[in-house]
């Protein structure tokens, strides 16, 4: 339905738990039983995933609304 989104590296982002720099990597986002591959920043230690506000309120919101309308 949607293509993977690239995460633009944001300098200086550290995991609050591990204090490791976040690195770009593939994660699976799921909503209403649908799973989507997405490239996002994540912690190499604990796996915490950072979702930028622009993505959460933009593309992800559009996908959520499209799935709910089905």
C-alpha atoms as a PDB file:
ATOM      1  CA  UNK A   1       0.000   0.000   0.000  1.00  0.00           C
ATOM      2  CA  UNK A   2       2.782   2.446   0.882  1.00  0.00           C
ATOM      3  CA  UNK A   3       6.465   2.426   0.153  1.00  0.00           C
ATOM      4  CA  UNK A   4       9.056   2.380   2.936  1.00  0.00           C
ATOM      5  CA  UNK A   5       9.961   5.785   4.274  1.00  0.00           C
ATOM      6  CA  UNK A   6      13.557   6.891   4.743  1.00  0.00           C
ATOM      7  CA  UNK A   7      14.573   8.348   8.064  1.00  0.00           C
ATOM      8  CA  UNK A   8      16.750  11.407   7.711  1.00  0.00           C
ATOM      9  CA  UNK A   9      19.543  11.093  10.261  1.00  0.00           C
ATOM     10  CA  UNK A  10      19.243  13.678  12.999  1.00  0.00           C
ATOM     11  CA  UNK A  11      22.636  14.382  14.539  1.00  0.00           C
ATOM     12  CA  UNK A  12      23.044  13.951  18.261  1.00  0.00           C
ATOM     13  CA  UNK A  13      19.999  11.752  18.974  1.00  0.00           C
ATOM     14  CA  UNK A  14      20.774   9.340  21.783  1.00  0.00           C
ATOM     15  CA  UNK A  15      18.662   6.615  23.335  1.00  0.00           C
ATOM     16  CA  UNK A  16      17.437   7.893  26.716  1.00  0.00           C
ATOM     17  CA  UNK A  17      17.881   4.417  28.237  1.00  0.00           C
ATOM     18  CA  UNK A  18      21.176   3.205  26.725  1.00  0.00           C
ATOM     19  CA  UNK A  19      22.828   6.530  25.822  1.00  0.00           C
ATOM     20  CA  UNK A  20      23.813   5.030  22.456  1.00  0.00           C
ATOM     21  CA  UNK A  21      23.474   7.012  19.202  1.00  0.00           C
ATOM     22  CA  UNK A  22      20.394   6.061  17.197  1.00  0.00           C
ATOM     23  CA  UNK A  23      21.126   4.383  13.857  1.00  0.00           C
ATOM     24  CA  UNK A  24      18.972   3.996  10.738  1.00  0.00           C
ATOM     25  CA  UNK A  25      17.460   0.556  10.358  1.00  0.00           C
ATOM     26  CA  UNK A  26      14.440  -1.384   9.091  1.00  0.00           C
ATOM     27  CA  UNK A  27      11.511  -1.737  11.472  1.00  0.00           C
ATOM     28  CA  UNK A  28       8.014  -3.095  10.979  1.00  0.00           C
ATOM     29  CA  UNK A  29       5.159  -0.749  11.798  1.00  0.00           C
ATOM     30  CA  UNK A  30       1.761  -2.358  12.256  1.00  0.00           C
ATOM     31  CA  UNK A  31      -1.746  -0.993  12.498  1.00  0.00           C
ATOM     32  CA  UNK A  32      -5.081  -2.806  12.412  1.00  0.00           C
ATOM     33  CA  UNK A  33      -3.398  -6.086  11.482  1.00  0.00           C
ATOM     34  CA  UNK A  34      -1.392  -4.594   8.600  1.00  0.00           C
ATOM     35  CA  UNK A  35       2.405  -4.503   8.738  1.00  0.00           C
ATOM     36  CA  UNK A  36       4.605  -2.055   6.823  1.00  0.00           C
ATOM     37  CA  UNK A  37       8.418  -2.010   6.479  1.00  0.00           C
ATOM     38  CA  UNK A  38       9.835   1.404   7.386  1.00  0.00           C
ATOM     39  CA  UNK A  39      13.383   2.786   7.690  1.00  0.00           C
ATOM     40  CA  UNK A  40      13.623   4.660  10.988  1.00  0.00           C
ATOM     41  CA  UNK A  41      16.200   5.581  13.591  1.00  0.00           C
ATOM     42  CA  UNK A  42      16.523   3.004  16.357  1.00  0.00           C
ATOM     43  CA  UNK A  43      18.738   2.162  19.284  1.00  0.00           C
ATOM     44  CA  UNK A  44      21.198  -0.648  18.512  1.00  0.00           C
ATOM     45  CA  UNK A  45      21.123  -1.631  22.194  1.00  0.00           C
ATOM     46  CA  UNK A  46      17.482  -1.876  23.293  1.00  0.00           C
ATOM     47  CA  UNK A  47      15.688  -1.505  19.945  1.00  0.00           C
ATOM     48  CA  UNK A  48      13.834   1.719  20.852  1.00  0.00           C
ATOM     49  CA  UNK A  49      12.485   3.260  17.633  1.00  0.00           C
ATOM     50  CA  UNK A  50      12.348   7.018  17.065  1.00  0.00           C
ATOM     51  CA  UNK A  51       9.396   8.206  14.969  1.00  0.00           C
ATOM     52  CA  UNK A  52       9.855  11.837  13.880  1.00  0.00           C
ATOM     53  CA  UNK A  53       6.828  14.083  14.443  1.00  0.00           C
ATOM     54  CA  UNK A  54       6.569  14.890  10.711  1.00  0.00           C
ATOM     55  CA  UNK A  55       6.221  11.201   9.893  1.00  0.00           C
ATOM     56  CA  UNK A  56       3.777  10.460  12.730  1.00  0.00           C
ATOM     57  CA  UNK A  57       1.506  13.361  11.838  1.00  0.00           C
ATOM     58  CA  UNK A  58       1.982  13.078   8.078  1.00  0.00           C
ATOM     59  CA  UNK A  59       2.382   9.805   6.211  1.00  0.00           C
ATOM     60  CA  UNK A  60       1.531   7.504   9.140  1.00  0.00           C
ATOM     61  CA  UNK A  61      -1.647   9.450   9.892  1.00  0.00           C
ATOM     62  CA  UNK A  62      -2.701   9.179   6.229  1.00  0.00           C
ATOM     63  CA  UNK A  63      -2.148   5.393   6.259  1.00  0.00           C
ATOM     64  CA  UNK A  64      -4.109   5.045   9.517  1.00  0.00           C
ATOM     65  CA  UNK A  65      -7.017   7.014   8.090  1.00  0.00           C
ATOM     66  CA  UNK A  66      -7.011   4.991   4.845  1.00  0.00           C
ATOM     67  CA  UNK A  67      -7.052   1.702   6.775  1.00  0.00           C
ATOM     68  CA  UNK A  68      -9.863   2.871   9.062  1.00  0.00           C
ATOM     69  CA  UNK A  69     -11.969   3.906   6.046  1.00  0.00           C
ATOM     70  CA  UNK A  70     -11.871   0.341   4.642  1.00  0.00           C
END
